[in-house]
């Protein structure tokens, strides 16, 4: 009898293990109350701890205890979760137990810099199940950082070589005369200068003959 009961107990425990929201951090995780809308038995408020969530796309992860579920991803700026829900990703069908993750789920642009809620609703064999996470939607502007990319970066990159190019091309020509003058008129180069002058004079005399 024991051998028969153990598998049945295992199946029963698997059936009651609805799903867990793993990313972002949920308000809580209760199998007993997960069928209670809108937050699976938990109360959301403006004082709920928030997790950073990238506006243009961030991960939502679940651990499913059912062999098949349809997932609804939604969001609201109502920190009590009572109203204002909007769908933020197409409904997804998961077949099979275990972990599931959507790596790039975006929230509306008007969420930027605000606190709100991400909601996951599972339509499973035993009905609708809910889990929510309080998030702060992160996305900002920074002129100093934006200047490092795009048109600003191209302008700075093209101006730097053009200003440096003349210096590079003129330096060898202007440096050579300075070296030559230094050799002729430095203390160690007087004799070399005299020899050069005498050689030039002798060359002129030789040309006369």
C-alpha atoms as a PDB file:
ATOM      1  CA  UNK A   1       0.000   0.000   0.000  1.00  0.00           C
ATOM      2  CA  UNK A   2       2.857   2.357   0.814  1.00  0.00           C
ATOM      3  CA  UNK A   3       4.339   1.898  -2.642  1.00  0.00           C
ATOM      4  CA  UNK A   4       1.032   2.928  -4.193  1.00  0.00           C
ATOM      5  CA  UNK A   5       0.490   5.957  -1.964  1.00  0.00           C
ATOM      6  CA  UNK A   6       3.915   7.516  -2.462  1.00  0.00           C
ATOM      7  CA  UNK A   7       3.501   8.149  -6.211  1.00  0.00           C
ATOM      8  CA  UNK A   8       0.006   9.519  -5.570  1.00  0.00           C
ATOM      9  CA  UNK A   9       1.344  11.904  -2.943  1.00  0.00           C
ATOM     10  CA  UNK A  10       4.053  13.028  -5.332  1.00  0.00           C
ATOM     11  CA  UNK A  11       1.466  13.769  -8.013  1.00  0.00           C
ATOM     12  CA  UNK A  12      -0.666  15.681  -5.527  1.00  0.00           C
ATOM     13  CA  UNK A  13       2.255  17.840  -4.417  1.00  0.00           C
ATOM     14  CA  UNK A  14       3.167  18.585  -8.027  1.00  0.00           C
ATOM     15  CA  UNK A  15      -0.411  19.615  -8.771  1.00  0.00           C
ATOM     16  CA  UNK A  16      -0.521  22.074  -5.869  1.00  0.00           C
ATOM     17  CA  UNK A  17       2.825  23.604  -6.841  1.00  0.00           C
ATOM     18  CA  UNK A  18       1.352  26.209  -9.200  1.00  0.00           C
ATOM     19  CA  UNK A  19       4.152  28.510 -10.360  1.00  0.00           C
ATOM     20  CA  UNK A  20       6.753  30.822  -8.902  1.00  0.00           C
ATOM     21  CA  UNK A  21       7.803  34.177 -10.292  1.00  0.00           C
ATOM     22  CA  UNK A  22      11.613  34.130 -10.196  1.00  0.00           C
ATOM     23  CA  UNK A  23      12.366  37.393 -12.050  1.00  0.00           C
ATOM     24  CA  UNK A  24      11.729  40.134 -11.033  1.00  0.00           C
ATOM     25  CA  UNK A  25      11.475  39.568  -7.296  1.00  0.00           C
ATOM     26  CA  UNK A  26       7.790  38.934  -6.480  1.00  0.00           C
ATOM     27  CA  UNK A  27       5.680  40.465  -3.733  1.00  0.00           C
ATOM     28  CA  UNK A  28       5.468  36.948  -2.311  1.00  0.00           C
ATOM     29  CA  UNK A  29       4.955  33.314  -3.236  1.00  0.00           C
ATOM     30  CA  UNK A  30       1.968  31.410  -1.878  1.00  0.00           C
ATOM     31  CA  UNK A  31       0.514  28.341  -3.605  1.00  0.00           C
ATOM     32  CA  UNK A  32      -2.572  28.479  -1.394  1.00  0.00           C
ATOM     33  CA  UNK A  33      -3.535  32.012  -2.433  1.00  0.00           C
ATOM     34  CA  UNK A  34      -2.182  32.196  -5.970  1.00  0.00           C
ATOM     35  CA  UNK A  35      -5.671  32.060  -7.482  1.00  0.00           C
ATOM     36  CA  UNK A  36      -6.552  35.323  -5.718  1.00  0.00           C
ATOM     37  CA  UNK A  37      -6.441  38.294  -8.099  1.00  0.00           C
ATOM     38  CA  UNK A  38      -4.666  40.535  -8.752  1.00  0.00           C
ATOM     39  CA  UNK A  39      -1.504  39.694  -6.771  1.00  0.00           C
ATOM     40  CA  UNK A  40      -1.838  36.072  -5.731  1.00  0.00           C
ATOM     41  CA  UNK A  41      -3.037  36.908  -2.240  1.00  0.00           C
ATOM     42  CA  UNK A  42      -0.506  39.681  -1.557  1.00  0.00           C
ATOM     43  CA  UNK A  43      -1.157  43.407  -1.194  1.00  0.00           C
ATOM     44  CA  UNK A  44       0.745  45.872  -3.341  1.00  0.00           C
ATOM     45  CA  UNK A  45       1.328  49.433  -2.180  1.00  0.00           C
ATOM     46  CA  UNK A  46       3.574  52.430  -2.777  1.00  0.00           C
ATOM     47  CA  UNK A  47       5.814  51.190   0.051  1.00  0.00           C
ATOM     48  CA  UNK A  48       6.495  47.819  -1.618  1.00  0.00           C
ATOM     49  CA  UNK A  49      10.176  47.152  -2.317  1.00  0.00           C
ATOM     50  CA  UNK A  50      10.928  47.783  -5.992  1.00  0.00           C
ATOM     51  CA  UNK A  51      13.263  46.027  -8.414  1.00  0.00           C
ATOM     52  CA  UNK A  52      14.940  47.882 -11.295  1.00  0.00           C
ATOM     53  CA  UNK A  53      13.462  46.962 -14.677  1.00  0.00           C
ATOM     54  CA  UNK A  54      14.804  48.223 -18.008  1.00  0.00           C
ATOM     55  CA  UNK A  55      12.123  50.015 -20.023  1.00  0.00           C
ATOM     56  CA  UNK A  56      13.297  48.754 -23.414  1.00  0.00           C
ATOM     57  CA  UNK A  57      13.406  45.121 -22.334  1.00  0.00           C
ATOM     58  CA  UNK A  58      14.215  43.017 -19.286  1.00  0.00           C
ATOM     59  CA  UNK A  59      13.816  39.412 -18.184  1.00  0.00           C
ATOM     60  CA  UNK A  60      10.717  37.847 -16.669  1.00  0.00           C
ATOM     61  CA  UNK A  61      11.239  34.329 -15.353  1.00  0.00           C
ATOM     62  CA  UNK A  62       8.941  31.682 -13.916  1.00  0.00           C
ATOM     63  CA  UNK A  63       9.155  28.159 -12.544  1.00  0.00           C
ATOM     64  CA  UNK A  64       6.099  26.228 -13.674  1.00  0.00           C
ATOM     65  CA  UNK A  65       4.596  23.365 -11.697  1.00  0.00           C
ATOM     66  CA  UNK A  66       2.072  22.456 -14.398  1.00  0.00           C
ATOM     67  CA  UNK A  67       2.618  20.457 -17.589  1.00  0.00           C
ATOM     68  CA  UNK A  68       1.159  23.303 -19.642  1.00  0.00           C
ATOM     69  CA  UNK A  69       0.357  26.971 -19.049  1.00  0.00           C
ATOM     70  CA  UNK A  70      -0.487  30.083 -21.015  1.00  0.00           C
ATOM     71  CA  UNK A  71       1.348  33.170 -19.768  1.00  0.00           C
ATOM     72  CA  UNK A  72       0.048  36.740 -19.748  1.00  0.00           C
ATOM     73  CA  UNK A  73       2.590  39.495 -19.044  1.00  0.00           C
ATOM     74  CA  UNK A  74       1.078  42.824 -18.013  1.00  0.00           C
ATOM     75  CA  UNK A  75       2.053  46.039 -16.249  1.00  0.00           C
ATOM     76  CA  UNK A  76       0.481  49.002 -14.510  1.00  0.00           C
ATOM     77  CA  UNK A  77       1.562  52.260 -12.898  1.00  0.00           C
ATOM     78  CA  UNK A  78      -1.159  51.817 -10.267  1.00  0.00           C
ATOM     79  CA  UNK A  79       0.950  50.783  -7.302  1.00  0.00           C
ATOM     80  CA  UNK A  80      -2.069  49.158  -5.657  1.00  0.00           C
ATOM     81  CA  UNK A  81      -2.563  46.888  -8.722  1.00  0.00           C
ATOM     82  CA  UNK A  82      -6.269  47.759  -8.869  1.00  0.00           C
ATOM     83  CA  UNK A  83      -6.463  49.344 -12.341  1.00  0.00           C
ATOM     84  CA  UNK A  84      -4.574  50.379 -15.461  1.00  0.00           C
ATOM     85  CA  UNK A  85      -3.232  46.994 -16.550  1.00  0.00           C
ATOM     86  CA  UNK A  86      -1.783  46.807 -20.058  1.00  0.00           C
ATOM     87  CA  UNK A  87      -0.485  43.774 -21.939  1.00  0.00           C
ATOM     88  CA  UNK A  88       3.271  44.095 -22.541  1.00  0.00           C
ATOM     89  CA  UNK A  89       4.003  40.866 -24.430  1.00  0.00           C
ATOM     90  CA  UNK A  90       2.036  38.414 -26.588  1.00  0.00           C
ATOM     91  CA  UNK A  91       0.470  35.523 -24.668  1.00  0.00           C
ATOM     92  CA  UNK A  92       2.927  32.621 -24.527  1.00  0.00           C
ATOM     93  CA  UNK A  93       2.219  28.884 -24.347  1.00  0.00           C
ATOM     94  CA  UNK A  94       4.642  26.826 -22.256  1.00  0.00           C
ATOM     95  CA  UNK A  95       4.528  23.056 -22.544  1.00  0.00           C
ATOM     96  CA  UNK A  96       6.401  21.085 -19.907  1.00  0.00           C
ATOM     97  CA  UNK A  97       7.347  21.532 -16.282  1.00  0.00           C
ATOM     98  CA  UNK A  98      10.246  23.655 -15.136  1.00  0.00           C
ATOM     99  CA  UNK A  99      11.855  27.034 -15.647  1.00  0.00           C
ATOM    100  CA  UNK A 100      10.739  29.458 -18.325  1.00  0.00           C
ATOM    101  CA  UNK A 101      12.121  32.896 -19.167  1.00  0.00           C
ATOM    102  CA  UNK A 102      11.305  35.684 -21.595  1.00  0.00           C
ATOM    103  CA  UNK A 103      14.582  37.660 -21.757  1.00  0.00           C
ATOM    104  CA  UNK A 104      13.325  40.855 -23.435  1.00  0.00           C
ATOM    105  CA  UNK A 105       9.960  42.098 -22.201  1.00  0.00           C
ATOM    106  CA  UNK A 106       9.540  45.852 -22.615  1.00  0.00           C
ATOM    107  CA  UNK A 107       7.241  48.185 -20.708  1.00  0.00           C
ATOM    108  CA  UNK A 108       5.632  51.328 -22.186  1.00  0.00           C
ATOM    109  CA  UNK A 109       7.861  54.382 -22.564  1.00  0.00           C
ATOM    110  CA  UNK A 110       5.678  56.400 -20.171  1.00  0.00           C
ATOM    111  CA  UNK A 111       6.834  54.075 -17.364  1.00  0.00           C
ATOM    112  CA  UNK A 112      10.308  55.649 -17.512  1.00  0.00           C
ATOM    113  CA  UNK A 113      11.525  56.679 -14.072  1.00  0.00           C
ATOM    114  CA  UNK A 114       8.291  55.602 -12.398  1.00  0.00           C
ATOM    115  CA  UNK A 115       7.305  52.904  -9.952  1.00  0.00           C
ATOM    116  CA  UNK A 116       4.765  50.311 -11.013  1.00  0.00           C
ATOM    117  CA  UNK A 117       3.937  46.630 -11.148  1.00  0.00           C
ATOM    118  CA  UNK A 118       4.762  43.754 -13.458  1.00  0.00           C
ATOM    119  CA  UNK A 119       2.053  41.090 -13.376  1.00  0.00           C
ATOM    120  CA  UNK A 120       2.239  37.492 -14.581  1.00  0.00           C
ATOM    121  CA  UNK A 121      -0.980  35.521 -14.949  1.00  0.00           C
ATOM    122  CA  UNK A 122      -0.914  31.799 -15.717  1.00  0.00           C
ATOM    123  CA  UNK A 123      -3.884  30.022 -17.265  1.00  0.00           C
ATOM    124  CA  UNK A 124      -3.263  26.495 -16.022  1.00  0.00           C
ATOM    125  CA  UNK A 125      -5.345  23.301 -15.674  1.00  0.00           C
ATOM    126  CA  UNK A 126      -6.601  24.512 -12.272  1.00  0.00           C
ATOM    127  CA  UNK A 127      -7.532  28.031 -13.383  1.00  0.00           C
ATOM    128  CA  UNK A 128      -5.996  31.504 -13.374  1.00  0.00           C
ATOM    129  CA  UNK A 129      -2.976  32.054 -11.124  1.00  0.00           C
ATOM    130  CA  UNK A 130      -1.394  35.405 -10.274  1.00  0.00           C
ATOM    131  CA  UNK A 131       2.003  36.769  -9.268  1.00  0.00           C
ATOM    132  CA  UNK A 132       3.207  40.369  -9.228  1.00  0.00           C
ATOM    133  CA  UNK A 133       6.462  42.252  -8.750  1.00  0.00           C
ATOM    134  CA  UNK A 134       6.940  45.915  -7.899  1.00  0.00           C
ATOM    135  CA  UNK A 135       9.410  47.535 -10.288  1.00  0.00           C
ATOM    136  CA  UNK A 136      11.043  50.863 -11.020  1.00  0.00           C
ATOM    137  CA  UNK A 137      11.337  51.381 -14.767  1.00  0.00           C
ATOM    138  CA  UNK A 138      14.875  52.574 -15.514  1.00  0.00           C
ATOM    139  CA  UNK A 139      15.792  54.610 -18.569  1.00  0.00           C
ATOM    140  CA  UNK A 140      17.357  58.045 -18.610  1.00  0.00           C
ATOM    141  CA  UNK A 141      19.223  60.570 -20.746  1.00  0.00           C
ATOM    142  CA  UNK A 142      22.798  61.752 -20.246  1.00  0.00           C
ATOM    143  CA  UNK A 143      24.131  64.302 -22.781  1.00  0.00           C
ATOM    144  CA  UNK A 144      27.754  63.601 -21.846  1.00  0.00           C
ATOM    145  CA  UNK A 145      27.366  59.883 -22.527  1.00  0.00           C
ATOM    146  CA  UNK A 146      25.210  60.388 -25.627  1.00  0.00           C
ATOM    147  CA  UNK A 147      27.979  62.553 -27.103  1.00  0.00           C
ATOM    148  CA  UNK A 148      30.225  59.486 -27.212  1.00  0.00           C
ATOM    149  CA  UNK A 149      28.041  57.760 -29.813  1.00  0.00           C
ATOM    150  CA  UNK A 150      26.316  58.627 -33.071  1.00  0.00           C
ATOM    151  CA  UNK A 151      26.871  61.932 -34.858  1.00  0.00           C
ATOM    152  CA  UNK A 152      28.637  63.518 -31.893  1.00  0.00           C
ATOM    153  CA  UNK A 153      31.230  60.772 -31.783  1.00  0.00           C
ATOM    154  CA  UNK A 154      31.811  60.984 -35.560  1.00  0.00           C
ATOM    155  CA  UNK A 155      32.390  64.729 -35.387  1.00  0.00           C
ATOM    156  CA  UNK A 156      34.913  64.472 -32.571  1.00  0.00           C
ATOM    157  CA  UNK A 157      36.686  61.554 -34.230  1.00  0.00           C
ATOM    158  CA  UNK A 158      36.992  63.326 -37.597  1.00  0.00           C
ATOM    159  CA  UNK A 159      38.174  66.624 -36.127  1.00  0.00           C
ATOM    160  CA  UNK A 160      40.959  65.144 -34.044  1.00  0.00           C
ATOM    161  CA  UNK A 161      42.958  63.539 -36.891  1.00  0.00           C
ATOM    162  CA  UNK A 162      42.519  66.591 -39.161  1.00  0.00           C
ATOM    163  CA  UNK A 163      43.961  68.920 -36.531  1.00  0.00           C
ATOM    164  CA  UNK A 164      46.834  66.551 -35.891  1.00  0.00           C
ATOM    165  CA  UNK A 165      47.630  65.789 -39.538  1.00  0.00           C
ATOM    166  CA  UNK A 166      49.288  69.116 -40.441  1.00  0.00           C
ATOM    167  CA  UNK A 167      51.534  68.880 -37.410  1.00  0.00           C
ATOM    168  CA  UNK A 168      52.591  65.396 -38.412  1.00  0.00           C
ATOM    169  CA  UNK A 169      53.327  66.400 -42.018  1.00  0.00           C
ATOM    170  CA  UNK A 170      55.161  69.671 -41.252  1.00  0.00           C
ATOM    171  CA  UNK A 171      57.193  68.457 -38.299  1.00  0.00           C
ATOM    172  CA  UNK A 172      59.772  66.457 -40.321  1.00  0.00           C
ATOM    173  CA  UNK A 173      60.406  69.403 -42.684  1.00  0.00           C
ATOM    174  CA  UNK A 174      60.699  71.986 -39.934  1.00  0.00           C
ATOM    175  CA  UNK A 175      62.744  69.702 -37.716  1.00  0.00           C
ATOM    176  CA  UNK A 176      65.421  69.008 -40.333  1.00  0.00           C
ATOM    177  CA  UNK A 177      66.586  72.642 -40.685  1.00  0.00           C
ATOM    178  CA  UNK A 178      66.705  73.007 -36.915  1.00  0.00           C
ATOM    179  CA  UNK A 179      68.943  69.960 -36.622  1.00  0.00           C
ATOM    180  CA  UNK A 180      71.210  71.226 -39.393  1.00  0.00           C
ATOM    181  CA  UNK A 181      71.542  74.693 -37.873  1.00  0.00           C
ATOM    182  CA  UNK A 182      72.245  73.160 -34.511  1.00  0.00           C
ATOM    183  CA  UNK A 183      75.059  71.061 -35.998  1.00  0.00           C
ATOM    184  CA  UNK A 184      76.696  74.029 -37.723  1.00  0.00           C
ATOM    185  CA  UNK A 185      76.545  76.551 -34.923  1.00  0.00           C
ATOM    186  CA  UNK A 186      76.738  74.523 -31.757  1.00  0.00           C
ATOM    187  CA  UNK A 187      80.063  74.490 -29.924  1.00  0.00           C
ATOM    188  CA  UNK A 188      80.818  71.036 -31.214  1.00  0.00           C
ATOM    189  CA  UNK A 189      79.835  71.915 -34.775  1.00  0.00           C
ATOM    190  CA  UNK A 190      82.049  75.007 -35.491  1.00  0.00           C
ATOM    191  CA  UNK A 191      84.830  72.941 -37.066  1.00  0.00           C
ATOM    192  CA  UNK A 192      82.341  71.120 -39.244  1.00  0.00           C
ATOM    193  CA  UNK A 193      80.982  74.475 -40.393  1.00  0.00           C
ATOM    194  CA  UNK A 194      84.459  75.771 -41.309  1.00  0.00           C
ATOM    195  CA  UNK A 195      85.280  72.589 -43.204  1.00  0.00           C
ATOM    196  CA  UNK A 196      82.060  72.909 -45.155  1.00  0.00           C
ATOM    197  CA  UNK A 197      82.873  76.554 -46.021  1.00  0.00           C
ATOM    198  CA  UNK A 198      86.439  75.708 -47.183  1.00  0.00           C
ATOM    199  CA  UNK A 199      85.141  72.796 -49.245  1.00  0.00           C
ATOM    200  CA  UNK A 200      82.643  75.067 -50.932  1.00  0.00           C
ATOM    201  CA  UNK A 201      85.368  77.653 -51.717  1.00  0.00           C
ATOM    202  CA  UNK A 202      87.728  75.036 -53.165  1.00  0.00           C
ATOM    203  CA  UNK A 203      84.896  73.695 -55.241  1.00  0.00           C
ATOM    204  CA  UNK A 204      84.378  77.158 -56.692  1.00  0.00           C
ATOM    205  CA  UNK A 205      88.080  77.542 -57.524  1.00  0.00           C
ATOM    206  CA  UNK A 206      88.139  74.129 -59.192  1.00  0.00           C
ATOM    207  CA  UNK A 207      85.281  75.157 -61.433  1.00  0.00           C
ATOM    208  CA  UNK A 208      87.322  78.159 -62.680  1.00  0.00           C
ATOM    209  CA  UNK A 209      89.934  75.776 -64.064  1.00  0.00           C
END
